[in-house]
N, C-alpha and C. Protein backbone atom coordinates (compact mmCIF):
# COMPACT_ATOMS: atom_id res chain seq x y z
N MET A 1 -12.64 27.32 5.08
CA MET A 1 -12.22 27.26 4.05
C MET A 1 -12.98 26.64 2.74
N SER A 2 -13.24 27.18 1.83
CA SER A 2 -14.11 26.86 0.66
C SER A 2 -13.65 25.83 0.27
N GLU A 3 -14.63 25.09 -0.33
CA GLU A 3 -14.34 23.88 -0.86
C GLU A 3 -13.51 23.92 -2.21
N LEU A 4 -12.63 23.06 -2.34
CA LEU A 4 -12.00 23.16 -3.91
C LEU A 4 -12.33 22.65 -4.96
N SER A 5 -12.04 23.55 -5.95
CA SER A 5 -12.76 22.64 -7.26
C SER A 5 -12.04 21.14 -7.85
N GLU A 6 -12.31 20.41 -8.87
CA GLU A 6 -11.31 19.51 -8.50
C GLU A 6 -10.62 20.04 -9.29
N LYS A 7 -10.11 20.92 -10.07
CA LYS A 7 -8.99 21.27 -10.63
C LYS A 7 -8.12 22.00 -9.57
N GLU A 8 -8.52 22.74 -8.79
CA GLU A 8 -8.22 23.51 -7.68
C GLU A 8 -7.36 22.13 -6.58
N ARG A 9 -8.21 21.12 -6.73
CA ARG A 9 -7.48 20.08 -6.10
C ARG A 9 -6.63 19.66 -6.09
N ILE A 10 -6.47 18.68 -7.59
CA ILE A 10 -5.65 18.18 -8.39
C ILE A 10 -4.62 19.67 -8.22
N ALA A 11 -4.36 20.58 -8.99
CA ALA A 11 -3.51 21.95 -8.78
C ALA A 11 -2.85 21.35 -7.18
N THR A 12 -2.97 21.65 -6.06
CA THR A 12 -3.07 21.17 -4.98
C THR A 12 -2.14 20.09 -4.39
N LEU A 13 -2.64 19.27 -5.36
CA LEU A 13 -1.97 17.78 -4.36
C LEU A 13 -0.53 17.54 -5.34
N ASP A 14 -1.00 18.03 -6.53
CA ASP A 14 0.24 18.10 -7.06
C ASP A 14 1.25 19.04 -7.23
N ALA A 15 1.18 19.84 -6.13
CA ALA A 15 1.98 20.85 -5.53
C ALA A 15 3.03 20.07 -4.73
N LEU A 16 1.93 19.83 -3.40
CA LEU A 16 2.50 18.56 -2.64
C LEU A 16 3.34 17.61 -3.08
N TYR A 17 2.82 17.05 -3.66
CA TYR A 17 3.70 15.64 -5.02
C TYR A 17 5.44 16.23 -4.55
N THR A 18 4.91 16.70 -5.72
CA THR A 18 6.32 18.14 -6.61
C THR A 18 7.33 18.35 -5.08
N ALA A 19 6.70 18.94 -4.64
CA ALA A 19 7.30 19.37 -3.29
C ALA A 19 7.86 18.06 -2.15
N ALA A 20 7.32 16.75 -2.37
CA ALA A 20 7.55 16.05 -1.24
C ALA A 20 8.80 14.93 -2.44
N GLY A 21 8.74 14.81 -3.34
CA GLY A 21 9.58 14.23 -4.83
C GLY A 21 10.37 14.86 -4.19
N ALA A 22 10.88 16.39 -4.20
CA ALA A 22 12.15 16.88 -4.15
C ALA A 22 13.10 16.49 -3.12
N VAL A 23 12.21 16.63 -2.03
CA VAL A 23 13.13 16.56 -0.67
C VAL A 23 13.86 14.92 -1.23
N ARG A 24 15.40 15.21 -0.36
CA ARG A 24 16.14 13.87 -0.10
C ARG A 24 16.77 13.30 0.61
N GLY A 25 17.21 12.68 1.13
CA GLY A 25 17.18 12.02 2.33
C GLY A 25 16.33 12.46 3.74
N ARG A 26 16.88 11.43 4.66
CA ARG A 26 15.61 11.47 6.07
C ARG A 26 15.94 12.90 6.81
N SER A 27 16.96 13.43 6.41
CA SER A 27 17.06 14.62 7.19
C SER A 27 16.55 15.51 6.73
N ALA A 28 16.75 16.03 5.17
CA ALA A 28 15.52 16.62 4.90
C ALA A 28 14.18 16.27 4.64
N MET A 29 13.80 15.47 4.95
CA MET A 29 12.37 14.81 5.05
C MET A 29 11.73 14.92 6.60
N LYS A 30 12.68 14.87 7.56
CA LYS A 30 12.31 15.49 8.65
C LYS A 30 12.34 16.67 8.65
N LEU A 31 12.84 17.20 8.18
CA LEU A 31 12.77 18.81 8.38
C LEU A 31 11.75 19.55 7.18
N PHE A 32 11.11 18.88 6.30
CA PHE A 32 10.01 19.41 5.39
C PHE A 32 8.71 18.95 6.09
N LEU A 33 9.17 17.94 6.71
CA LEU A 33 7.44 17.66 7.60
C LEU A 33 7.34 18.24 8.45
N ARG A 34 8.93 18.46 9.68
CA ARG A 34 8.62 19.45 10.59
C ARG A 34 7.91 20.75 10.30
N ASP A 35 8.62 21.35 9.32
CA ASP A 35 8.12 22.54 8.59
C ASP A 35 6.55 22.48 8.31
N LEU A 36 5.60 21.55 7.50
CA LEU A 36 4.92 21.25 7.11
C LEU A 36 3.55 20.88 7.62
N LEU A 37 3.81 20.16 8.61
CA LEU A 37 2.66 19.74 9.60
C LEU A 37 2.97 19.98 11.05
N THR A 38 2.41 19.61 11.96
CA THR A 38 2.39 19.93 13.41
C THR A 38 2.81 18.38 13.68
N GLU A 39 3.03 18.37 14.56
CA GLU A 39 3.89 17.78 16.03
C GLU A 39 2.75 16.24 15.71
N SER A 40 1.10 17.00 15.76
CA SER A 40 0.29 15.69 16.12
C SER A 40 -0.27 14.86 14.95
N GLU A 41 0.32 16.11 13.85
CA GLU A 41 -0.37 15.54 12.33
C GLU A 41 1.23 14.33 11.98
N ARG A 42 1.94 14.61 12.46
CA ARG A 42 3.12 13.70 12.37
C ARG A 42 3.20 12.48 13.07
N VAL A 43 2.73 12.37 14.02
CA VAL A 43 2.21 11.45 14.76
C VAL A 43 1.49 10.49 14.55
N MET A 44 0.21 11.17 14.03
CA MET A 44 -0.93 10.22 13.30
C MET A 44 -0.30 9.54 11.71
N LEU A 45 0.57 10.43 11.18
CA LEU A 45 0.91 10.01 10.06
C LEU A 45 2.29 8.60 10.42
N GLY A 46 3.21 8.20 11.70
CA GLY A 46 4.31 8.34 11.69
C GLY A 46 3.11 6.51 12.34
N ARG A 47 2.26 6.76 13.02
CA ARG A 47 1.35 5.74 13.12
C ARG A 47 0.78 4.78 12.25
N ARG A 48 0.12 5.74 11.19
CA ARG A 48 -0.26 4.96 9.82
C ARG A 48 0.65 3.57 9.17
N ILE A 49 1.81 4.36 9.29
CA ILE A 49 2.74 3.98 8.37
C ILE A 49 2.98 2.64 9.97
N LEU A 50 3.28 2.63 11.01
CA LEU A 50 3.29 1.62 11.56
C LEU A 50 2.52 0.49 11.47
N ILE A 51 0.96 1.16 11.67
CA ILE A 51 -0.04 0.39 11.49
C ILE A 51 0.47 -0.60 10.17
N SER A 52 0.57 -0.01 9.07
CA SER A 52 0.81 -0.72 7.85
C SER A 52 1.82 -1.73 8.03
N GLN A 53 3.16 -1.51 8.88
CA GLN A 53 4.10 -2.36 8.78
C GLN A 53 4.20 -3.24 9.68
N LEU A 54 3.07 -3.21 10.72
CA LEU A 54 2.30 -4.44 11.62
C LEU A 54 1.19 -5.20 11.08
N LEU A 55 0.53 -4.64 9.81
CA LEU A 55 -0.55 -5.68 9.43
C LEU A 55 0.37 -6.60 8.25
N GLU A 56 1.62 -5.83 7.86
CA GLU A 56 1.72 -6.43 6.37
C GLU A 56 3.07 -7.98 7.25
N LYS A 57 2.81 -7.93 8.29
CA LYS A 57 3.87 -8.57 9.31
C LYS A 57 2.75 -9.57 10.01
N GLY A 58 1.41 -9.81 9.36
CA GLY A 58 0.08 -10.72 9.86
C GLY A 58 -0.10 -10.23 11.23
N ARG A 59 0.21 -8.96 12.07
CA ARG A 59 -0.72 -8.46 13.73
C ARG A 59 -1.97 -8.52 13.12
N ARG A 60 -2.64 -8.95 14.34
CA ARG A 60 -4.28 -8.89 14.49
C ARG A 60 -4.38 -7.45 14.68
N TYR A 61 -5.49 -7.13 14.46
CA TYR A 61 -6.70 -5.47 14.87
C TYR A 61 -6.13 -5.25 16.25
N GLU A 62 -6.48 -6.62 17.09
CA GLU A 62 -6.70 -6.06 18.25
C GLU A 62 -5.22 -5.85 19.22
N ASP A 63 -4.31 -6.97 18.82
CA ASP A 63 -2.54 -6.43 18.90
C ASP A 63 -2.23 -4.93 18.62
N ILE A 64 -2.60 -5.00 17.31
CA ILE A 64 -2.24 -3.83 16.88
C ILE A 64 -2.80 -2.22 17.71
N SER A 65 -3.99 -2.06 17.85
CA SER A 65 -5.10 -1.29 18.51
C SER A 65 -4.43 -1.50 19.94
N LYS A 66 -3.85 -1.97 20.82
CA LYS A 66 -3.62 -2.09 21.71
C LYS A 66 -1.87 -1.12 21.92
N MET A 67 -1.12 -1.85 21.34
CA MET A 67 -0.05 -1.23 21.07
C MET A 67 0.16 0.16 20.79
N LEU A 68 -0.46 0.64 19.89
CA LEU A 68 -0.52 1.81 19.05
C LEU A 68 -1.52 2.63 19.65
N GLY A 69 -2.74 2.24 20.27
CA GLY A 69 -3.82 3.20 21.01
C GLY A 69 -4.57 3.87 19.59
N VAL A 70 -4.64 3.03 18.93
CA VAL A 70 -5.41 3.47 17.28
C VAL A 70 -6.82 2.62 17.64
N GLY A 71 -7.72 3.30 16.67
CA GLY A 71 -9.51 2.67 16.75
C GLY A 71 -9.13 1.20 15.54
N TYR A 72 -10.02 0.62 15.64
CA TYR A 72 -10.18 -0.78 14.57
C TYR A 72 -10.67 0.38 13.27
N ASP A 73 -10.85 1.38 13.32
CA ASP A 73 -11.20 1.75 11.76
C ASP A 73 -10.81 2.52 11.08
N THR A 74 -9.62 2.88 11.80
CA THR A 74 -7.89 2.98 11.24
C THR A 74 -7.56 2.30 10.45
N ILE A 75 -7.57 0.71 11.48
CA ILE A 75 -6.88 0.02 10.94
C ILE A 75 -7.08 -0.44 9.98
N SER A 76 -8.29 -0.70 9.85
CA SER A 76 -9.21 -1.41 8.73
C SER A 76 -8.94 -0.45 7.30
N ARG A 77 -9.05 0.52 7.57
CA ARG A 77 -8.84 1.97 6.22
C ARG A 77 -7.81 1.39 5.96
N ILE A 78 -6.66 1.03 6.58
CA ILE A 78 -5.00 0.71 5.92
C ILE A 78 -4.67 -0.29 5.37
N HIS A 79 -5.79 -1.32 6.41
CA HIS A 79 -5.43 -2.70 5.69
C HIS A 79 -6.35 -2.85 4.28
N HIS A 80 -7.79 -2.18 4.31
CA HIS A 80 -8.06 -2.14 2.84
C HIS A 80 -7.17 -1.66 1.60
N TRP A 81 -6.22 -0.38 2.34
CA TRP A 81 -5.32 0.08 1.30
C TRP A 81 -4.59 -0.97 0.81
N LEU A 82 -3.98 -1.42 1.85
CA LEU A 82 -2.60 -2.35 1.84
C LEU A 82 -2.94 -3.41 0.71
N ARG A 83 -4.44 -4.10 1.04
CA ARG A 83 -5.00 -5.17 0.11
C ARG A 83 -5.53 -4.73 -1.38
N ALA A 84 -5.89 -3.25 -1.37
CA ALA A 84 -5.95 -3.26 -3.07
C ALA A 84 -4.69 -3.01 -3.64
N GLN A 85 -3.77 -2.75 -3.12
CA GLN A 85 -2.28 -2.52 -3.50
C GLN A 85 -1.12 -3.57 -3.58
N GLY A 86 -2.33 -4.47 -3.32
CA GLY A 86 -1.77 -5.97 -3.29
C GLY A 86 -0.59 -6.31 -2.43
N LYS A 87 -0.03 -5.77 -1.44
CA LYS A 87 0.86 -5.14 -0.26
C LYS A 87 0.23 -6.83 0.91
N ILE A 88 -0.80 -6.82 0.70
CA ILE A 88 -1.11 -8.11 1.41
C ILE A 88 -2.00 -8.92 1.35
């Protein structure tokens, strides 16, 4: 796949956000994500959500890594994002 220009990148992400924003309800979101992402991608996204929830509860990196089988780098990226958003 070729590199997108900044304008193309913005338009592509805008299309995604618009489509996701139009989805209403858990069942519809489940179908949307199932059609859009592979099972592996859905699991990875779900893990990131679980990581953020555990970090918000004050769990340690070591505990999260063991519980979910994820690396410290992934946990750290999510931790930094949560801090930047003022969530923890």
